[in-house]
């Protein structure tokens, strides 16, 4: 029987680390030097780096549920160097500026691994890189173009594989090629966020859980239990941003769902390979992402129902039965030899999508209001780079990070309902149909339907 929800598989099977007692909610008005709204990766990394740089700074984190309740505790465990919006930043600021941003992301993977080791955070980190695979001729054309683009942005240690070399790494049905990057690692998302929260508290960060923030404005964050006033108020709410007053159309909460198998026996892994435990993705329009977990399961994710009307979020991670069936079929399509394997858990979460699909970091010095996010599903590493950038902005330091092209980027708001819901549903229906057509036609050319969807969505 598949367990559906329960926040995520990572929470449902959290037996190897001590369960943290709930942190006390805010009970009265308070003051701080910096108040951070959101207890996920962005908020906690920001608090961590601020206290590391300025130990006397009073930093308070306000979290509506508990640390890691959102995407930070539900994601696919991809710590990698992808960043949303790089091509747009190249167009706006020039290729060298976007190349610096990419190099910063490459370095960020190492930064997270190193800090986890320094802080004693055992998050099942295994640095096996990222393998992105093509399974149709059209996907292979996109893969080769993608690989060339990554080289042009300075990732000269990336490798391109043909079908045989791909199969030599992971036995994926119908694989015709792949691209591998060393700038990636598998992580256990929950262990990382729990360890990070504990590291923050050791430094003196005050964390209030069960404290929803209803409104953010200059100098204050308002909750039902009191207002925290601070010169700097930082919004780190990613996919839950739409719940804040005045932010309904800022970032769209896109749904992503996952399933995980029962642990696979050694003979199954002998057939599959995957000995380097690289994280796995593909070049489909409705793409997938997967990892081999520390206890030898396969966790795989994809879109499912992409968006809920009115920017609503899910109920503690439950996902639709049809989505579970679709992800199970996708898993067995990649690995037919696993057909019939038990699916033990399924869950979903939301990620933040700006209208132009560009991740951003911003601080308004006149109001003290700042924010970071819009990672479009690449937040495990990007949140760390964003946090270090927010640190420098808050402290007023002019650094290499504060000159990166995503700093201060602004984007128009999403369309009102029902246009927003209709548009997203049509967009992902188009992507799924494009994948079907490319698989059936065996043409090496990306279908015009997908190119049209990219233009309409603002992705390219």
Protein backbone atom coordinates (compact mmCIF):
# COMPACT_ATOMS: atom_id res chain seq x y z
CA UNK A 1 0.00 0.00 0.00
CA UNK A 2 1.32 3.41 -0.98
CA UNK A 3 1.41 6.06 1.76
CA UNK A 4 0.11 9.27 0.19
CA UNK A 5 1.21 12.51 1.83
CA UNK A 6 2.47 12.73 5.38
CA UNK A 7 4.47 15.78 4.17
CA UNK A 8 6.95 13.58 2.26
CA UNK A 9 8.73 10.24 2.23
CA UNK A 10 11.65 11.99 3.94
CA UNK A 11 9.42 12.81 6.92
CA UNK A 12 7.51 9.55 6.97
CA UNK A 13 10.73 7.56 7.31
CA UNK A 14 12.65 9.94 9.55
CA UNK A 15 13.93 7.39 12.04
CA UNK A 16 17.67 7.96 11.82
CA UNK A 17 17.84 11.48 13.24
CA UNK A 18 16.42 12.73 16.53
CA UNK A 19 12.99 14.24 16.15
CA UNK A 20 13.19 17.91 17.06
CA UNK A 21 10.50 19.05 19.53
CA UNK A 22 8.31 21.78 18.04
CA UNK A 23 9.87 25.18 18.48
CA UNK A 24 7.80 27.67 20.44
CA UNK A 25 5.62 30.06 18.47
CA UNK A 26 5.86 33.80 18.85
CA UNK A 27 3.79 34.89 21.87
CA UNK A 28 4.18 38.68 21.91
CA UNK A 29 5.52 41.65 20.00
CA UNK A 30 9.28 41.47 19.50
CA UNK A 31 12.20 43.27 17.91
CA UNK A 32 15.24 42.10 15.96
CA UNK A 33 17.90 43.44 13.65
CA UNK A 34 16.77 41.08 10.88
CA UNK A 35 13.51 39.16 10.71
CA UNK A 36 13.31 36.37 8.17
CA UNK A 37 9.95 35.02 7.01
CA UNK A 38 10.20 31.34 6.08
CA UNK A 39 12.04 28.45 7.71
CA UNK A 40 13.18 26.63 4.60
CA UNK A 41 16.57 26.55 2.94
CA UNK A 42 16.61 30.22 1.92
CA UNK A 43 15.58 31.56 5.30
CA UNK A 44 17.79 29.25 7.34
CA UNK A 45 20.87 29.67 5.15
CA UNK A 46 20.41 33.45 5.33
CA UNK A 47 20.16 33.34 9.12
CA UNK A 48 23.19 31.06 9.29
CA UNK A 49 25.44 33.27 7.18
CA UNK A 50 24.30 36.49 8.87
CA UNK A 51 25.17 35.13 12.31
CA UNK A 52 28.45 33.73 11.05
CA UNK A 53 29.42 37.12 9.65
CA UNK A 54 27.98 39.27 12.47
CA UNK A 55 27.55 37.25 15.69
CA UNK A 56 25.98 40.18 17.57
CA UNK A 57 23.21 40.58 15.01
CA UNK A 58 19.77 39.69 16.38
CA UNK A 59 18.22 37.37 13.80
CA UNK A 60 14.70 35.94 14.10
CA UNK A 61 13.12 33.37 11.77
CA UNK A 62 9.31 33.07 11.59
CA UNK A 63 7.94 29.83 10.13
CA UNK A 64 4.22 29.14 9.62
CA UNK A 65 4.44 25.38 10.26
CA UNK A 66 7.86 23.93 11.06
CA UNK A 67 11.27 24.23 9.45
CA UNK A 68 11.30 22.34 6.19
CA UNK A 69 7.52 21.97 5.90
CA UNK A 70 7.62 23.31 2.35
CA UNK A 71 9.84 22.45 -0.59
CA UNK A 72 12.95 22.17 1.59
CA UNK A 73 11.54 19.01 3.18
CA UNK A 74 9.87 17.55 0.09
CA UNK A 75 12.22 18.04 -2.85
CA UNK A 76 14.03 15.42 -4.92
CA UNK A 77 17.39 15.90 -3.22
CA UNK A 78 19.14 17.47 -6.23
CA UNK A 79 22.02 19.61 -5.00
CA UNK A 80 23.21 20.83 -8.39
CA UNK A 81 24.37 23.87 -10.32
CA UNK A 82 21.25 24.66 -12.33
CA UNK A 83 19.80 28.15 -11.99
CA UNK A 84 16.57 29.52 -13.39
CA UNK A 85 16.85 32.41 -15.83
CA UNK A 86 20.51 32.22 -16.85
CA UNK A 87 19.83 32.70 -20.57
CA UNK A 88 17.62 35.69 -19.88
CA UNK A 89 20.32 37.23 -17.70
CA UNK A 90 22.80 36.70 -20.52
CA UNK A 91 20.47 38.58 -22.86
CA UNK A 92 19.92 41.40 -20.36
CA UNK A 93 23.42 41.80 -18.92
CA UNK A 94 25.75 40.07 -21.35
CA UNK A 95 27.25 36.62 -21.54
CA UNK A 96 30.19 37.32 -19.16
CA UNK A 97 27.80 38.36 -16.37
CA UNK A 98 25.70 35.23 -16.78
CA UNK A 99 28.86 33.15 -16.91
CA UNK A 100 29.89 34.59 -13.52
CA UNK A 101 26.48 33.61 -12.17
CA UNK A 102 26.96 30.08 -13.45
CA UNK A 103 30.41 29.83 -11.91
CA UNK A 104 28.96 30.97 -8.60
CA UNK A 105 26.41 28.16 -8.84
CA UNK A 106 29.13 25.61 -9.61
CA UNK A 107 30.98 26.76 -6.50
CA UNK A 108 27.79 26.64 -4.44
CA UNK A 109 27.56 22.85 -4.68
CA UNK A 110 30.95 22.61 -2.99
CA UNK A 111 29.96 25.26 -0.45
CA UNK A 112 26.93 23.29 0.73
CA UNK A 113 28.88 20.04 0.94
CA UNK A 114 31.67 21.75 2.90
CA UNK A 115 29.37 23.56 5.36
CA UNK A 116 27.41 20.36 6.01
CA UNK A 117 30.67 18.62 6.88
CA UNK A 118 31.84 21.50 9.06
CA UNK A 119 28.56 21.62 10.97
CA UNK A 120 28.33 17.86 11.37
CA UNK A 121 25.19 17.59 9.24
CA UNK A 122 24.80 14.01 8.02
CA UNK A 123 22.45 14.49 5.06
CA UNK A 124 23.36 11.35 3.08
CA UNK A 125 25.33 13.56 0.69
CA UNK A 126 26.96 11.69 -2.18
CA UNK A 127 28.69 13.73 -4.86
CA UNK A 128 28.14 11.64 -7.96
CA UNK A 129 27.24 14.50 -10.29
CA UNK A 130 24.19 14.99 -12.51
CA UNK A 131 23.26 12.78 -15.47
CA UNK A 132 20.70 14.21 -17.89
CA UNK A 133 19.52 11.70 -20.44
CA UNK A 134 17.82 11.75 -23.84
CA UNK A 135 15.42 8.98 -24.89
CA UNK A 136 14.15 10.25 -28.27
CA UNK A 137 15.88 11.85 -31.28
CA UNK A 138 14.34 15.24 -30.46
CA UNK A 139 15.53 14.98 -26.88
CA UNK A 140 19.00 14.10 -28.15
CA UNK A 141 19.08 17.24 -30.29
CA UNK A 142 18.12 19.33 -27.26
CA UNK A 143 20.66 17.48 -25.12
CA UNK A 144 23.51 18.28 -27.50
CA UNK A 145 22.45 21.94 -27.66
CA UNK A 146 22.18 22.03 -23.87
CA UNK A 147 25.60 20.43 -23.48
CA UNK A 148 27.18 22.98 -25.86
CA UNK A 149 25.53 25.83 -23.97
CA UNK A 150 26.88 24.58 -20.64
CA UNK A 151 30.38 24.45 -22.12
CA UNK A 152 29.96 28.02 -23.37
CA UNK A 153 29.05 29.13 -19.85
CA UNK A 154 32.32 27.72 -18.54
CA UNK A 155 31.46 24.20 -17.48
CA UNK A 156 34.39 22.63 -19.29
CA UNK A 157 34.40 19.55 -17.06
CA UNK A 158 31.04 18.36 -18.40
CA UNK A 159 31.01 15.13 -20.45
CA UNK A 160 28.78 14.01 -23.34
CA UNK A 161 27.95 10.29 -23.67
CA UNK A 162 26.50 8.21 -26.48
CA UNK A 163 23.91 5.48 -25.97
CA UNK A 164 26.42 2.80 -24.97
CA UNK A 165 28.25 5.01 -22.49
CA UNK A 166 24.94 6.09 -20.98
CA UNK A 167 23.88 2.49 -20.54
CA UNK A 168 27.24 1.83 -18.92
CA UNK A 169 26.34 4.29 -16.17
CA UNK A 170 22.62 3.53 -15.71
CA UNK A 171 20.59 0.91 -17.60
CA UNK A 172 17.84 3.23 -18.84
CA UNK A 173 15.50 1.87 -21.50
CA UNK A 174 15.73 3.61 -24.89
CA UNK A 175 18.50 5.98 -23.77
CA UNK A 176 20.25 7.45 -26.83
CA UNK A 177 22.66 9.80 -25.08
CA UNK A 178 23.34 11.81 -21.96
CA UNK A 179 25.29 14.71 -20.51
CA UNK A 180 27.07 14.43 -17.17
CA UNK A 181 28.20 17.23 -14.89
CA UNK A 182 30.34 16.80 -11.77
CA UNK A 183 28.60 19.77 -10.16
CA UNK A 184 25.89 17.84 -8.39
CA UNK A 185 25.20 15.65 -5.40
CA UNK A 186 22.41 13.59 -3.91
CA UNK A 187 21.12 14.78 -0.56
CA UNK A 188 18.47 13.78 1.95
CA UNK A 189 16.44 17.02 2.00
CA UNK A 190 15.00 16.66 5.50
CA UNK A 191 18.31 15.83 7.14
CA UNK A 192 19.86 18.87 5.51
CA UNK A 193 17.14 21.28 6.63
CA UNK A 194 17.02 19.86 10.16
CA UNK A 195 20.77 20.06 10.52
CA UNK A 196 20.80 23.59 9.19
CA UNK A 197 18.10 24.72 11.65
CA UNK A 198 20.08 23.22 14.52
CA UNK A 199 23.26 24.96 13.33
CA UNK A 200 21.39 28.27 13.25
CA UNK A 201 20.21 27.83 16.83
CA UNK A 202 23.72 27.01 17.98
CA UNK A 203 24.75 30.39 16.58
CA UNK A 204 21.97 32.15 18.47
CA UNK A 205 19.28 32.51 15.80
CA UNK A 206 15.77 32.65 17.28
CA UNK A 207 13.35 30.38 15.39
CA UNK A 208 9.60 30.56 16.00
CA UNK A 209 7.57 27.76 14.40
CA UNK A 210 3.76 27.58 14.13
CA UNK A 211 3.89 31.33 13.50
CA UNK A 212 2.26 32.29 10.19
CA UNK A 213 3.12 35.73 8.86
CA UNK A 214 0.11 37.41 7.31
CA UNK A 215 1.68 40.66 6.14
CA UNK A 216 5.12 42.06 5.48
CA UNK A 217 5.85 45.78 5.25
CA UNK A 218 8.73 48.14 5.90
CA UNK A 219 10.14 47.45 9.34
CA UNK A 220 7.74 44.71 10.42
CA UNK A 221 6.36 41.21 9.96
CA UNK A 222 2.83 40.76 11.24
CA UNK A 223 1.57 37.50 12.78
CA UNK A 224 -1.61 36.59 14.70
CA UNK A 225 0.47 36.45 17.89
CA UNK A 226 2.42 39.67 17.62
CA UNK A 227 4.49 41.82 15.31
CA UNK A 228 8.24 41.51 14.95
CA UNK A 229 9.85 44.85 14.10
CA UNK A 230 13.26 45.02 12.47
CA UNK A 231 15.22 47.33 10.16
CA UNK A 232 15.47 44.45 7.69
CA UNK A 233 12.56 42.14 6.81
CA UNK A 234 13.41 39.33 4.41
CA UNK A 235 10.79 37.30 2.55
CA UNK A 236 12.01 33.73 1.98
CA UNK A 237 8.70 31.99 1.30
CA UNK A 238 9.20 30.59 -2.24
CA UNK A 239 6.10 28.57 -3.28
CA UNK A 240 4.05 29.89 -0.33
CA UNK A 241 4.56 33.55 -1.24
CA UNK A 242 1.06 33.89 -2.71
CA UNK A 243 -0.47 33.48 0.78
CA UNK A 244 0.99 36.81 1.93
CA UNK A 245 -1.09 39.96 1.69
CA UNK A 246 -0.49 41.68 -1.64
CA UNK A 247 1.55 38.81 -3.08
CA UNK A 248 -1.17 36.68 -4.68
CA UNK A 249 0.20 37.19 -8.20
CA UNK A 250 3.91 37.54 -7.39
CA UNK A 251 5.15 33.95 -7.78
CA UNK A 252 3.06 31.06 -8.97
CA UNK A 253 3.09 27.98 -6.69
CA UNK A 254 3.81 25.19 -9.17
CA UNK A 255 3.11 21.66 -7.98
CA UNK A 256 5.61 18.84 -8.27
CA UNK A 257 4.99 15.28 -7.11
CA UNK A 258 7.18 12.31 -6.23
CA UNK A 259 7.00 8.60 -5.59
CA UNK A 260 9.58 6.25 -4.09
CA UNK A 261 10.05 2.51 -4.39
CA UNK A 262 10.70 -0.03 -1.69
CA UNK A 263 14.42 -0.70 -1.19
CA UNK A 264 15.74 -2.67 -4.17
CA UNK A 265 17.83 -5.83 -3.66
CA UNK A 266 21.48 -6.02 -4.63
CA UNK A 267 20.80 -8.08 -7.76
CA UNK A 268 18.47 -5.37 -9.06
CA UNK A 269 21.23 -2.80 -8.69
CA UNK A 270 23.61 -5.16 -10.44
CA UNK A 271 21.32 -4.95 -13.46
CA UNK A 272 20.62 -1.23 -13.17
CA UNK A 273 24.11 0.03 -12.46
CA UNK A 274 23.79 3.54 -11.02
CA UNK A 275 26.84 2.79 -8.86
CA UNK A 276 27.96 6.44 -8.83
CA UNK A 277 24.57 7.48 -7.44
CA UNK A 278 24.39 10.53 -9.68
CA UNK A 279 21.09 12.38 -9.68
CA UNK A 280 19.13 11.68 -12.85
CA UNK A 281 17.05 13.88 -15.13
CA UNK A 282 15.86 13.88 -18.72
CA UNK A 283 15.31 16.23 -21.65
CA UNK A 284 11.54 15.79 -21.94
CA UNK A 285 9.41 18.93 -21.92
CA UNK A 286 7.48 17.58 -18.93
CA UNK A 287 10.75 16.51 -17.37
CA UNK A 288 11.48 14.04 -14.60
CA UNK A 289 14.07 13.99 -11.82
CA UNK A 290 15.27 11.06 -9.73
CA UNK A 291 17.84 9.85 -7.24
CA UNK A 292 19.10 6.59 -5.78
CA UNK A 293 18.52 7.04 -2.07
CA UNK A 294 20.95 6.08 0.69
CA UNK A 295 18.79 3.05 1.50
CA UNK A 296 18.72 1.92 -2.16
CA UNK A 297 15.31 3.08 -3.28
CA UNK A 298 14.53 5.07 -6.41
CA UNK A 299 12.79 8.38 -5.77
CA UNK A 300 11.36 9.93 -8.94
CA UNK A 301 9.35 13.08 -9.51
CA UNK A 302 7.52 15.11 -12.12
CA UNK A 303 4.71 17.60 -12.56
CA UNK A 304 1.39 15.76 -12.18
CA UNK A 305 -1.34 18.38 -11.76
CA UNK A 306 0.80 21.48 -12.21
CA UNK A 307 -1.25 24.18 -10.48
CA UNK A 308 -4.27 24.63 -8.21
CA UNK A 309 -6.78 27.39 -8.89
CA UNK A 310 -6.20 30.59 -6.94
CA UNK A 311 -2.57 29.70 -6.08
CA UNK A 312 -3.73 27.21 -3.44
CA UNK A 313 -1.22 24.77 -1.99
CA UNK A 314 -1.60 21.10 -1.11
CA UNK A 315 -2.82 19.39 2.06
CA UNK A 316 0.31 18.12 3.86
CA UNK A 317 1.78 16.61 0.73
CA UNK A 318 -1.12 14.54 -0.60
CA UNK A 319 -1.14 14.10 -4.35
CA UNK A 320 -3.70 12.82 -6.83
CA UNK A 321 -3.99 9.05 -7.52
CA UNK A 322 -3.70 9.76 -11.25
CA UNK A 323 -0.36 11.46 -10.63
CA UNK A 324 0.90 8.45 -8.68
CA UNK A 325 -0.12 6.20 -11.57
CA UNK A 326 1.58 8.47 -14.12
CA UNK A 327 4.84 8.63 -12.15
CA UNK A 328 4.77 4.87 -11.63
CA UNK A 329 4.35 4.35 -15.37
CA UNK A 330 7.23 6.76 -15.99
CA UNK A 331 9.46 4.85 -13.57
CA UNK A 332 8.72 1.53 -15.26
CA UNK A 333 9.23 3.13 -18.68
CA UNK A 334 12.75 4.10 -17.65
CA UNK A 335 13.38 0.80 -15.90
CA UNK A 336 11.11 -1.96 -17.34
CA UNK A 337 13.02 -4.54 -15.33
CA UNK A 338 11.47 -3.04 -12.18
CA UNK A 339 7.86 -3.43 -13.34
CA UNK A 340 5.74 -4.53 -10.41
CA UNK A 341 8.10 -3.09 -7.77
CA UNK A 342 6.23 -1.74 -4.77
CA UNK A 343 5.72 2.03 -4.55
CA UNK A 344 5.80 2.81 -0.84
CA UNK A 345 5.26 6.58 -0.67
CA UNK A 346 3.90 9.43 -2.77
CA UNK A 347 3.80 13.14 -2.00
CA UNK A 348 3.76 16.61 -3.53
CA UNK A 349 4.88 20.15 -2.84
CA UNK A 350 5.05 23.57 -4.45
CA UNK A 351 7.89 25.55 -5.96
CA UNK A 352 8.00 29.25 -6.78
CA UNK A 353 7.75 30.34 -10.43
CA UNK A 354 8.14 34.02 -11.42
CA UNK A 355 6.43 35.20 -14.58
CA UNK A 356 9.73 35.24 -16.48
CA UNK A 357 11.10 32.07 -14.82
CA UNK A 358 14.09 33.95 -13.37
CA UNK A 359 15.42 33.34 -9.86
CA UNK A 360 16.16 36.62 -8.06
CA UNK A 361 17.68 38.25 -4.97
CA UNK A 362 16.63 41.76 -3.99
CA UNK A 363 17.06 44.23 -1.11
CA UNK A 364 15.37 47.64 -1.12
CA UNK A 365 17.69 49.80 0.95
CA UNK A 366 15.06 52.51 1.44
CA UNK A 367 12.57 50.16 3.11
CA UNK A 368 14.79 47.35 4.37
CA UNK A 369 12.58 44.83 2.58
CA UNK A 370 14.33 41.98 0.82
CA UNK A 371 13.47 38.70 -0.79
CA UNK A 372 14.98 35.78 -2.65
CA UNK A 373 13.51 32.90 -4.56
CA UNK A 374 11.70 31.99 -7.74
CA UNK A 375 14.01 29.01 -8.12
CA UNK A 376 11.64 27.06 -10.41
CA UNK A 377 12.63 23.77 -8.83
CA UNK A 378 16.39 24.32 -8.60
CA UNK A 379 16.43 25.66 -5.07
CA UNK A 380 18.48 23.15 -3.08
CA UNK A 381 21.74 24.80 -4.13
CA UNK A 382 20.40 28.13 -5.39
CA UNK A 383 18.96 28.95 -1.97
CA UNK A 384 22.48 28.85 -0.54
CA UNK A 385 23.85 31.29 -3.12
CA UNK A 386 20.82 33.53 -2.57
CA UNK A 387 21.35 33.47 1.19
CA UNK A 388 25.01 34.46 0.95
CA UNK A 389 24.00 37.25 -1.40
CA UNK A 390 21.28 38.47 0.99
CA UNK A 391 23.86 38.43 3.78
CA UNK A 392 26.14 40.76 1.85
CA UNK A 393 23.27 43.04 0.86
CA UNK A 394 22.00 43.32 4.45
CA UNK A 395 25.48 43.99 5.82
CA UNK A 396 26.07 46.59 3.11
CA UNK A 397 29.09 44.81 1.69
CA UNK A 398 29.95 45.27 -1.98
CA UNK A 399 31.11 41.83 -3.02
CA UNK A 400 31.39 39.66 -6.07
CA UNK A 401 28.01 38.16 -5.13
CA UNK A 402 26.17 41.50 -4.95
CA UNK A 403 27.18 42.29 -8.55
CA UNK A 404 25.74 39.08 -10.01
CA UNK A 405 23.07 39.79 -12.64
CA UNK A 406 20.15 38.29 -10.72
CA UNK A 407 20.50 40.88 -7.92
CA UNK A 408 17.72 43.46 -8.02
CA UNK A 409 15.90 41.81 -10.93
CA UNK A 410 12.19 42.60 -11.02
CA UNK A 411 9.47 40.88 -12.96
CA UNK A 412 5.85 41.55 -13.82
CA UNK A 413 3.08 39.81 -11.94
CA UNK A 414 1.16 36.75 -13.09
CA UNK A 415 -2.21 37.16 -14.77
CA UNK A 416 -5.35 37.18 -12.58
CA UNK A 417 -7.61 34.15 -12.34
CA UNK A 418 -9.02 32.36 -14.23
CA UNK A 419 -6.39 33.27 -16.86
CA UNK A 420 -3.57 32.04 -14.64
CA UNK A 421 -5.15 28.62 -14.08
CA UNK A 422 -6.22 28.19 -17.71
CA UNK A 423 -2.79 29.20 -18.97
CA UNK A 424 -0.82 26.82 -16.78
CA UNK A 425 -3.14 23.88 -17.49
CA UNK A 426 -2.90 24.52 -21.23
CA UNK A 427 0.86 24.94 -21.01
CA UNK A 428 1.53 21.57 -19.41
CA UNK A 429 -1.03 19.83 -21.58
CA UNK A 430 0.94 21.18 -24.53
CA UNK A 431 4.24 19.92 -23.07
CA UNK A 432 2.84 16.45 -22.45
CA UNK A 433 1.41 16.31 -25.97
CA UNK A 434 4.75 17.50 -27.38
CA UNK A 435 6.52 14.67 -25.58
CA UNK A 436 4.03 12.16 -26.99
CA UNK A 437 4.49 13.47 -30.53
CA UNK A 438 8.27 13.41 -30.31
CA UNK A 439 8.25 9.87 -28.98
CA UNK A 440 5.93 8.68 -31.77
CA UNK A 441 7.56 10.52 -34.67
CA UNK A 442 11.24 9.82 -33.93
CA UNK A 443 12.00 13.21 -35.49
CA UNK A 444 15.18 14.92 -34.26
CA UNK A 445 13.43 18.29 -34.33
CA UNK A 446 11.64 19.72 -31.29
CA UNK A 447 7.94 19.91 -32.07
CA UNK A 448 6.61 23.42 -32.83
CA UNK A 449 3.99 22.90 -30.11
CA UNK A 450 6.69 22.87 -27.44
CA UNK A 451 8.43 25.93 -28.88
CA UNK A 452 5.13 27.80 -28.85
CA UNK A 453 4.49 26.77 -25.25
CA UNK A 454 7.97 28.01 -24.27
CA UNK A 455 7.29 31.43 -25.80
CA UNK A 456 3.86 31.77 -24.21
CA UNK A 457 5.07 30.67 -20.78
CA UNK A 458 7.98 33.08 -20.72
CA UNK A 459 10.53 30.29 -20.22
CA UNK A 460 12.50 31.30 -23.33
